């Protein structure tokens, strides 16, 4: 059964572009051009897997439609023609999948990548390793918005055990400062068993030392994030790395 996508967009031409992309991926699409139409659809208890939402509608020029859709538990990608500091901060504080500025054709290519990911990410296991419960929960929440299958542990020994137990894990996100085994030691142990073309490792640290990122990458990590990081940077790094791994897997299948 196809997943239902709600496209909220006042421009009919843009709505048709999004619809065409979504249908090509297997989505079933419903279009609403105004906030009023959205209210009618959701009052009829229509359920949607996902929504793309125009931030500025004729009857909701300041993003009023966004929290309304989120209140109905519909994961949302926000499309906007403008992005000032105030709007940017407002969007980052909302539990959205991402926001995209409608600047050029690349914006729609990026949207296509997200739509594809939301359909397929549940097949990708992500292991989060962090001994801080608050930090671990934050990263897990971000990943679940993108439909990944998420596992979490609080130390390196448990991480190695979980990797052996769950063959669907394709990404490990590890904090450097772990109790017992450090994040760097964990990366080294993982790479001794899992080659770079089979598993992604993203290291996270709050260290101000400039050499920390290079040290992790030289020891087998694919990427590095310095804390605190913003959700949009986190999503870009994760998406870029998983797409790289999927491309490698496609090449293997061709061979």
C-alpha atoms as a PDB file:
ATOM      1  CA  UNK A   1       0.000   0.000   0.000  1.00  0.00           C
ATOM      2  CA  UNK A   2       1.391   3.416  -0.979  1.00  0.00           C
ATOM      3  CA  UNK A   3       2.219   6.001   1.690  1.00  0.00           C
ATOM      4  CA  UNK A   4       0.016   9.094   1.733  1.00  0.00           C
ATOM      5  CA  UNK A   5       1.703  12.462   1.280  1.00  0.00           C
ATOM      6  CA  UNK A   6      -0.064  15.736   2.029  1.00  0.00           C
ATOM      7  CA  UNK A   7       1.262  18.582  -0.135  1.00  0.00           C
ATOM      8  CA  UNK A   8       0.330  22.008   1.246  1.00  0.00           C
ATOM      9  CA  UNK A   9       1.324  24.596  -1.347  1.00  0.00           C
ATOM     10  CA  UNK A  10      -0.417  27.717  -2.646  1.00  0.00           C
ATOM     11  CA  UNK A  11       1.484  27.659  -5.954  1.00  0.00           C
ATOM     12  CA  UNK A  12      -0.239  25.180  -8.259  1.00  0.00           C
ATOM     13  CA  UNK A  13       2.866  24.763 -10.418  1.00  0.00           C
ATOM     14  CA  UNK A  14       5.096  23.950  -7.425  1.00  0.00           C
ATOM     15  CA  UNK A  15       2.451  21.604  -6.011  1.00  0.00           C
ATOM     16  CA  UNK A  16       2.415  19.711  -9.314  1.00  0.00           C
ATOM     17  CA  UNK A  17       6.225  19.446  -9.322  1.00  0.00           C
ATOM     18  CA  UNK A  18       6.189  17.974  -5.798  1.00  0.00           C
ATOM     19  CA  UNK A  19       3.319  15.657  -6.710  1.00  0.00           C
ATOM     20  CA  UNK A  20       5.187  14.347  -9.762  1.00  0.00           C
ATOM     21  CA  UNK A  21       8.324  13.659  -7.702  1.00  0.00           C
ATOM     22  CA  UNK A  22       6.380  11.951  -4.928  1.00  0.00           C
ATOM     23  CA  UNK A  23       4.336   9.765  -7.276  1.00  0.00           C
ATOM     24  CA  UNK A  24       7.569   8.633  -8.973  1.00  0.00           C
ATOM     25  CA  UNK A  25       8.666   7.300  -5.560  1.00  0.00           C
ATOM     26  CA  UNK A  26       5.369   5.518  -4.948  1.00  0.00           C
ATOM     27  CA  UNK A  27       3.535   8.041  -2.765  1.00  0.00           C
ATOM     28  CA  UNK A  28      -0.193   8.705  -2.984  1.00  0.00           C
ATOM     29  CA  UNK A  29      -0.578  12.505  -3.016  1.00  0.00           C
ATOM     30  CA  UNK A  30      -3.281  14.852  -1.719  1.00  0.00           C
ATOM     31  CA  UNK A  31      -2.883  18.585  -2.405  1.00  0.00           C
ATOM     32  CA  UNK A  32      -4.200  21.494  -0.329  1.00  0.00           C
ATOM     33  CA  UNK A  33      -3.648  25.085  -1.486  1.00  0.00           C
ATOM     34  CA  UNK A  34      -4.846  26.916   1.644  1.00  0.00           C
ATOM     35  CA  UNK A  35      -4.938  26.577   5.427  1.00  0.00           C
ATOM     36  CA  UNK A  36      -8.731  26.292   5.175  1.00  0.00           C
ATOM     37  CA  UNK A  37      -8.410  23.260   2.883  1.00  0.00           C
ATOM     38  CA  UNK A  38      -5.959  21.659   5.324  1.00  0.00           C
ATOM     39  CA  UNK A  39      -8.453  22.101   8.178  1.00  0.00           C
ATOM     40  CA  UNK A  40     -11.185  20.411   6.145  1.00  0.00           C
ATOM     41  CA  UNK A  41      -8.947  17.467   5.211  1.00  0.00           C
ATOM     42  CA  UNK A  42      -7.764  16.838   8.755  1.00  0.00           C
ATOM     43  CA  UNK A  43     -11.268  17.306  10.187  1.00  0.00           C
ATOM     44  CA  UNK A  44     -12.288  14.400   7.957  1.00  0.00           C
ATOM     45  CA  UNK A  45      -9.683  12.335   9.837  1.00  0.00           C
ATOM     46  CA  UNK A  46      -7.534  11.678   6.821  1.00  0.00           C
ATOM     47  CA  UNK A  47      -4.257  10.081   7.920  1.00  0.00           C
ATOM     48  CA  UNK A  48      -0.963  10.984   6.263  1.00  0.00           C
ATOM     49  CA  UNK A  49       2.477   9.405   6.415  1.00  0.00           C
ATOM     50  CA  UNK A  50       4.183  12.714   5.654  1.00  0.00           C
ATOM     51  CA  UNK A  51       3.540  16.329   4.636  1.00  0.00           C
ATOM     52  CA  UNK A  52       5.366  19.009   2.690  1.00  0.00           C
ATOM     53  CA  UNK A  53       4.156  22.349   3.991  1.00  0.00           C
ATOM     54  CA  UNK A  54       4.452  25.794   2.433  1.00  0.00           C
ATOM     55  CA  UNK A  55       5.346  28.148   5.295  1.00  0.00           C
ATOM     56  CA  UNK A  56       3.517  31.156   3.861  1.00  0.00           C
ATOM     57  CA  UNK A  57      -0.051  30.583   2.658  1.00  0.00           C
ATOM     58  CA  UNK A  58      -2.548  33.294   1.624  1.00  0.00           C
ATOM     59  CA  UNK A  59      -4.645  32.600   4.735  1.00  0.00           C
ATOM     60  CA  UNK A  60      -1.657  31.724   6.968  1.00  0.00           C
ATOM     61  CA  UNK A  61       1.214  34.032   5.964  1.00  0.00           C
ATOM     62  CA  UNK A  62       3.320  33.546   9.101  1.00  0.00           C
ATOM     63  CA  UNK A  63       3.534  29.779   9.283  1.00  0.00           C
ATOM     64  CA  UNK A  64       0.322  29.228  11.257  1.00  0.00           C
ATOM     65  CA  UNK A  65      -0.356  26.026   9.306  1.00  0.00           C
ATOM     66  CA  UNK A  66       2.845  24.351  10.552  1.00  0.00           C
ATOM     67  CA  UNK A  67       1.976  23.813  14.256  1.00  0.00           C
ATOM     68  CA  UNK A  68      -1.567  22.867  13.231  1.00  0.00           C
ATOM     69  CA  UNK A  69      -0.285  19.995  11.076  1.00  0.00           C
ATOM     70  CA  UNK A  70       2.283  18.961  13.695  1.00  0.00           C
ATOM     71  CA  UNK A  71      -0.519  18.758  16.280  1.00  0.00           C
ATOM     72  CA  UNK A  72      -2.035  16.042  14.088  1.00  0.00           C
ATOM     73  CA  UNK A  73       1.203  14.014  14.377  1.00  0.00           C
ATOM     74  CA  UNK A  74       2.097  14.345  10.707  1.00  0.00           C
ATOM     75  CA  UNK A  75       5.880  14.456  10.132  1.00  0.00           C
ATOM     76  CA  UNK A  76       6.495  17.608   8.102  1.00  0.00           C
ATOM     77  CA  UNK A  77       9.009  19.093   5.690  1.00  0.00           C
ATOM     78  CA  UNK A  78       8.667  22.872   5.570  1.00  0.00           C
ATOM     79  CA  UNK A  79       9.033  24.693   2.247  1.00  0.00           C
ATOM     80  CA  UNK A  80       9.637  28.418   2.388  1.00  0.00           C
ATOM     81  CA  UNK A  81      10.416  31.188  -0.057  1.00  0.00           C
ATOM     82  CA  UNK A  82      12.062  33.301   2.640  1.00  0.00           C
ATOM     83  CA  UNK A  83      14.362  32.509   5.522  1.00  0.00           C
ATOM     84  CA  UNK A  84      15.364  35.320   7.877  1.00  0.00           C
ATOM     85  CA  UNK A  85      16.977  34.818  11.294  1.00  0.00           C
ATOM     86  CA  UNK A  86      13.649  34.903  13.133  1.00  0.00           C
ATOM     87  CA  UNK A  87      12.007  32.325  10.858  1.00  0.00           C
ATOM     88  CA  UNK A  88      15.131  30.159  10.955  1.00  0.00           C
ATOM     89  CA  UNK A  89      15.171  30.052  14.772  1.00  0.00           C
ATOM     90  CA  UNK A  90      11.431  29.413  14.872  1.00  0.00           C
ATOM     91  CA  UNK A  91      11.705  26.451  12.497  1.00  0.00           C
ATOM     92  CA  UNK A  92      14.671  24.921  14.336  1.00  0.00           C
ATOM     93  CA  UNK A  93      12.615  24.916  17.540  1.00  0.00           C
ATOM     94  CA  UNK A  94       9.827  22.895  15.916  1.00  0.00           C
ATOM     95  CA  UNK A  95       9.840  19.063  15.705  1.00  0.00           C
ATOM     96  CA  UNK A  96       9.986  19.063  11.902  1.00  0.00           C
ATOM     97  CA  UNK A  97      11.870  16.725   9.569  1.00  0.00           C
ATOM     98  CA  UNK A  98      13.627  19.623   7.846  1.00  0.00           C
ATOM     99  CA  UNK A  99      13.037  22.923   6.107  1.00  0.00           C
ATOM    100  CA  UNK A 100      13.913  23.801   2.513  1.00  0.00           C
ATOM    101  CA  UNK A 101      14.151  27.228   0.923  1.00  0.00           C
ATOM    102  CA  UNK A 102      12.575  27.350  -2.527  1.00  0.00           C
ATOM    103  CA  UNK A 103      15.577  29.038  -4.131  1.00  0.00           C
ATOM    104  CA  UNK A 104      16.345  26.919  -7.190  1.00  0.00           C
ATOM    105  CA  UNK A 105      16.144  23.425  -8.699  1.00  0.00           C
ATOM    106  CA  UNK A 106      18.535  22.065  -6.059  1.00  0.00           C
ATOM    107  CA  UNK A 107      15.871  22.679  -3.422  1.00  0.00           C
ATOM    108  CA  UNK A 108      13.574  20.173  -5.124  1.00  0.00           C
ATOM    109  CA  UNK A 109      16.406  17.697  -5.601  1.00  0.00           C
ATOM    110  CA  UNK A 110      17.028  17.911  -1.849  1.00  0.00           C
ATOM    111  CA  UNK A 111      13.303  17.390  -1.216  1.00  0.00           C
ATOM    112  CA  UNK A 112      13.365  14.311  -3.453  1.00  0.00           C
ATOM    113  CA  UNK A 113      16.211  12.881  -1.365  1.00  0.00           C
ATOM    114  CA  UNK A 114      14.246  13.400   1.856  1.00  0.00           C
ATOM    115  CA  UNK A 115      11.056  11.879   0.412  1.00  0.00           C
ATOM    116  CA  UNK A 116      13.052   8.855  -0.722  1.00  0.00           C
ATOM    117  CA  UNK A 117      14.719   8.558   2.670  1.00  0.00           C
ATOM    118  CA  UNK A 118      11.458   8.674   4.621  1.00  0.00           C
ATOM    119  CA  UNK A 119      10.286   5.627   2.657  1.00  0.00           C
ATOM    120  CA  UNK A 120      13.506   3.650   3.043  1.00  0.00           C
ATOM    121  CA  UNK A 121      15.202   4.733   6.271  1.00  0.00           C
ATOM    122  CA  UNK A 122      13.284   2.228   8.391  1.00  0.00           C
ATOM    123  CA  UNK A 123      15.470  -0.444   6.765  1.00  0.00           C
ATOM    124  CA  UNK A 124      18.569   1.307   8.124  1.00  0.00           C
ATOM    125  CA  UNK A 125      19.603   0.667  11.716  1.00  0.00           C
ATOM    126  CA  UNK A 126      21.451   3.442  13.554  1.00  0.00           C
ATOM    127  CA  UNK A 127      23.305   2.807  16.811  1.00  0.00           C
ATOM    128  CA  UNK A 128      23.737   5.793  19.147  1.00  0.00           C
ATOM    129  CA  UNK A 129      26.489   5.457  21.762  1.00  0.00           C
ATOM    130  CA  UNK A 130      26.504   8.059  24.540  1.00  0.00           C
ATOM    131  CA  UNK A 131      26.674   7.767  28.329  1.00  0.00           C
ATOM    132  CA  UNK A 132      24.586  10.934  28.754  1.00  0.00           C
ATOM    133  CA  UNK A 133      20.913   9.945  28.742  1.00  0.00           C
ATOM    134  CA  UNK A 134      19.757  13.445  27.745  1.00  0.00           C
ATOM    135  CA  UNK A 135      22.214  13.690  24.855  1.00  0.00           C
ATOM    136  CA  UNK A 136      21.469  10.139  23.717  1.00  0.00           C
ATOM    137  CA  UNK A 137      17.713  10.737  23.759  1.00  0.00           C
ATOM    138  CA  UNK A 138      18.125  13.960  21.771  1.00  0.00           C
ATOM    139  CA  UNK A 139      20.057  12.227  18.978  1.00  0.00           C
ATOM    140  CA  UNK A 140      17.636   9.280  18.970  1.00  0.00           C
ATOM    141  CA  UNK A 141      14.687  11.656  18.642  1.00  0.00           C
ATOM    142  CA  UNK A 142      16.290  13.398  15.655  1.00  0.00           C
ATOM    143  CA  UNK A 143      16.894  10.055  13.948  1.00  0.00           C
ATOM    144  CA  UNK A 144      13.364   8.790  14.574  1.00  0.00           C
ATOM    145  CA  UNK A 145      11.962  11.873  12.823  1.00  0.00           C
ATOM    146  CA  UNK A 146      13.784  10.617   9.732  1.00  0.00           C
ATOM    147  CA  UNK A 147      12.226   7.132  10.164  1.00  0.00           C
ATOM    148  CA  UNK A 148      15.480   5.315  10.984  1.00  0.00           C
ATOM    149  CA  UNK A 149      15.416   2.186  13.148  1.00  0.00           C
ATOM    150  CA  UNK A 150      17.268   3.397  16.239  1.00  0.00           C
ATOM    151  CA  UNK A 151      19.239   1.500  18.876  1.00  0.00           C
ATOM    152  CA  UNK A 152      21.034   3.139  21.791  1.00  0.00           C
ATOM    153  CA  UNK A 153      23.580   2.073  24.405  1.00  0.00           C
ATOM    154  CA  UNK A 154      25.615   3.908  27.030  1.00  0.00           C
ATOM    155  CA  UNK A 155      29.101   2.412  26.591  1.00  0.00           C
ATOM    156  CA  UNK A 156      31.494   0.918  24.060  1.00  0.00           C
ATOM    157  CA  UNK A 157      31.266  -2.683  25.246  1.00  0.00           C
ATOM    158  CA  UNK A 158      27.485  -2.679  24.822  1.00  0.00           C
ATOM    159  CA  UNK A 159      27.916  -1.033  21.423  1.00  0.00           C
ATOM    160  CA  UNK A 160      30.122  -3.868  20.154  1.00  0.00           C
ATOM    161  CA  UNK A 161      27.623  -6.427  21.470  1.00  0.00           C
ATOM    162  CA  UNK A 162      24.695  -4.613  19.825  1.00  0.00           C
ATOM    163  CA  UNK A 163      26.542  -4.543  16.493  1.00  0.00           C
ATOM    164  CA  UNK A 164      26.919  -8.329  16.665  1.00  0.00           C
ATOM    165  CA  UNK A 165      23.222  -8.741  17.505  1.00  0.00           C
ATOM    166  CA  UNK A 166      21.728  -6.353  14.923  1.00  0.00           C
ATOM    167  CA  UNK A 167      22.959  -6.860  11.339  1.00  0.00           C
ATOM    168  CA  UNK A 168      20.702  -4.032  10.093  1.00  0.00           C
ATOM    169  CA  UNK A 169      22.915  -1.402  11.780  1.00  0.00           C
ATOM    170  CA  UNK A 170      24.547   0.674   9.051  1.00  0.00           C
ATOM    171  CA  UNK A 171      25.501   3.784  11.053  1.00  0.00           C
ATOM    172  CA  UNK A 172      27.176   4.201  14.438  1.00  0.00           C
ATOM    173  CA  UNK A 173      27.091   7.640  16.061  1.00  0.00           C
ATOM    174  CA  UNK A 174      29.430   7.721  19.039  1.00  0.00           C
ATOM    175  CA  UNK A 175      30.338  10.308  21.632  1.00  0.00           C
ATOM    176  CA  UNK A 176      34.060  10.618  22.401  1.00  0.00           C
ATOM    177  CA  UNK A 177      33.781  10.895  26.191  1.00  0.00           C
ATOM    178  CA  UNK A 178      32.342   7.523  27.182  1.00  0.00           C
ATOM    179  CA  UNK A 179      32.641   5.740  30.511  1.00  0.00           C
ATOM    180  CA  UNK A 180      35.332   3.070  30.214  1.00  0.00           C
ATOM    181  CA  UNK A 181      36.246   2.619  26.552  1.00  0.00           C
ATOM    182  CA  UNK A 182      36.611   5.998  24.810  1.00  0.00           C
ATOM    183  CA  UNK A 183      34.840   6.852  21.582  1.00  0.00           C
ATOM    184  CA  UNK A 184      38.160   6.736  19.725  1.00  0.00           C
ATOM    185  CA  UNK A 185      38.913   3.246  21.058  1.00  0.00           C
ATOM    186  CA  UNK A 186      35.423   2.156  20.035  1.00  0.00           C
ATOM    187  CA  UNK A 187      35.970   3.431  16.488  1.00  0.00           C
ATOM    188  CA  UNK A 188      39.222   1.463  16.262  1.00  0.00           C
ATOM    189  CA  UNK A 189      37.572  -1.751  17.500  1.00  0.00           C
ATOM    190  CA  UNK A 190      34.612  -1.366  15.129  1.00  0.00           C
ATOM    191  CA  UNK A 191      36.854  -0.750  12.126  1.00  0.00           C
ATOM    192  CA  UNK A 192      38.913  -3.846  12.933  1.00  0.00           C
ATOM    193  CA  UNK A 193      35.780  -5.876  12.227  1.00  0.00           C
ATOM    194  CA  UNK A 194      33.580  -3.716   9.957  1.00  0.00           C
ATOM    195  CA  UNK A 195      35.176  -2.160   6.837  1.00  0.00           C
ATOM    196  CA  UNK A 196      34.420   1.385   5.732  1.00  0.00           C
ATOM    197  CA  UNK A 197      32.328   0.205   2.769  1.00  0.00           C
ATOM    198  CA  UNK A 198      29.908  -1.648   5.078  1.00  0.00           C
ATOM    199  CA  UNK A 199      29.386   0.624   8.072  1.00  0.00           C
ATOM    200  CA  UNK A 200      29.375   4.385   8.669  1.00  0.00           C
ATOM    201  CA  UNK A 201      30.852   5.836  11.849  1.00  0.00           C
ATOM    202  CA  UNK A 202      30.133   9.427  12.859  1.00  0.00           C
ATOM    203  CA  UNK A 203      32.029  10.688  15.906  1.00  0.00           C
ATOM    204  CA  UNK A 204      30.688  13.436  18.160  1.00  0.00           C
ATOM    205  CA  UNK A 205      32.691  15.493  20.655  1.00  0.00           C
ATOM    206  CA  UNK A 206      32.508  18.800  22.481  1.00  0.00           C
ATOM    207  CA  UNK A 207      36.296  19.184  22.504  1.00  0.00           C
ATOM    208  CA  UNK A 208      37.699  22.502  21.298  1.00  0.00           C
ATOM    209  CA  UNK A 209      40.881  20.774  20.123  1.00  0.00           C
ATOM    210  CA  UNK A 210      41.152  21.328  16.381  1.00  0.00           C
ATOM    211  CA  UNK A 211      42.947  18.012  15.783  1.00  0.00           C
ATOM    212  CA  UNK A 212      40.123  15.914  17.258  1.00  0.00           C
ATOM    213  CA  UNK A 213      38.200  15.533  13.995  1.00  0.00           C
ATOM    214  CA  UNK A 214      41.305  14.508  12.016  1.00  0.00           C
ATOM    215  CA  UNK A 215      42.258  12.029  14.739  1.00  0.00           C
ATOM    216  CA  UNK A 216      38.884  10.297  14.523  1.00  0.00           C
ATOM    217  CA  UNK A 217      38.863  10.176  10.722  1.00  0.00           C
ATOM    218  CA  UNK A 218      42.438   8.835  10.593  1.00  0.00           C
ATOM    219  CA  UNK A 219      41.331   6.040  12.936  1.00  0.00           C
ATOM    220  CA  UNK A 220      38.363   4.953  10.838  1.00  0.00           C
ATOM    221  CA  UNK A 221      35.490   7.393  11.369  1.00  0.00           C
ATOM    222  CA  UNK A 222      33.678   8.645   8.270  1.00  0.00           C
ATOM    223  CA  UNK A 223      32.657  11.990   9.707  1.00  0.00           C
ATOM    224  CA  UNK A 224      32.845  14.193  12.779  1.00  0.00           C
ATOM    225  CA  UNK A 225      30.367  16.540  14.469  1.00  0.00           C
ATOM    226  CA  UNK A 226      31.361  19.099  17.061  1.00  0.00           C
ATOM    227  CA  UNK A 227      28.873  19.692  19.887  1.00  0.00           C
ATOM    228  CA  UNK A 228      26.643  21.557  20.151  1.00  0.00           C
ATOM    229  CA  UNK A 229      25.418  20.955  16.600  1.00  0.00           C
ATOM    230  CA  UNK A 230      22.203  22.141  14.968  1.00  0.00           C
ATOM    231  CA  UNK A 231      19.682  19.574  13.674  1.00  0.00           C
ATOM    232  CA  UNK A 232      20.000  20.644  10.039  1.00  0.00           C
ATOM    233  CA  UNK A 233      23.776  20.027  10.033  1.00  0.00           C
ATOM    234  CA  UNK A 234      23.213  16.676  11.733  1.00  0.00           C
ATOM    235  CA  UNK A 235      20.654  15.617   9.109  1.00  0.00           C
ATOM    236  CA  UNK A 236      22.865  16.736   6.218  1.00  0.00           C
ATOM    237  CA  UNK A 237      25.811  14.697   7.532  1.00  0.00           C
ATOM    238  CA  UNK A 238      23.723  11.581   8.188  1.00  0.00           C
ATOM    239  CA  UNK A 239      21.932  11.758   4.828  1.00  0.00           C
ATOM    240  CA  UNK A 240      25.143  12.342   2.878  1.00  0.00           C
ATOM    241  CA  UNK A 241      26.882   9.396   4.547  1.00  0.00           C
ATOM    242  CA  UNK A 242      24.023   6.920   4.176  1.00  0.00           C
ATOM    243  CA  UNK A 243      23.613   7.851   0.503  1.00  0.00           C
ATOM    244  CA  UNK A 244      27.337   7.212   0.011  1.00  0.00           C
ATOM    245  CA  UNK A 245      26.994   3.759   1.570  1.00  0.00           C
ATOM    246  CA  UNK A 246      23.919   2.971  -0.531  1.00  0.00           C
ATOM    247  CA  UNK A 247      25.809   3.998  -3.679  1.00  0.00           C
ATOM    248  CA  UNK A 248      28.652   1.625  -2.763  1.00  0.00           C
ATOM    249  CA  UNK A 249      26.134  -1.185  -2.232  1.00  0.00           C
ATOM    250  CA  UNK A 250      24.624  -0.510  -5.678  1.00  0.00           C
ATOM    251  CA  UNK A 251      28.067  -0.758  -7.272  1.00  0.00           C
ATOM    252  CA  UNK A 252      28.617  -4.089  -5.511  1.00  0.00           C
ATOM    253  CA  UNK A 253      25.341  -5.421  -6.906  1.00  0.00           C
ATOM    254  CA  UNK A 254      26.296  -4.341 -10.432  1.00  0.00           C
ATOM    255  CA  UNK A 255      29.549  -6.256 -10.142  1.00  0.00           C
END
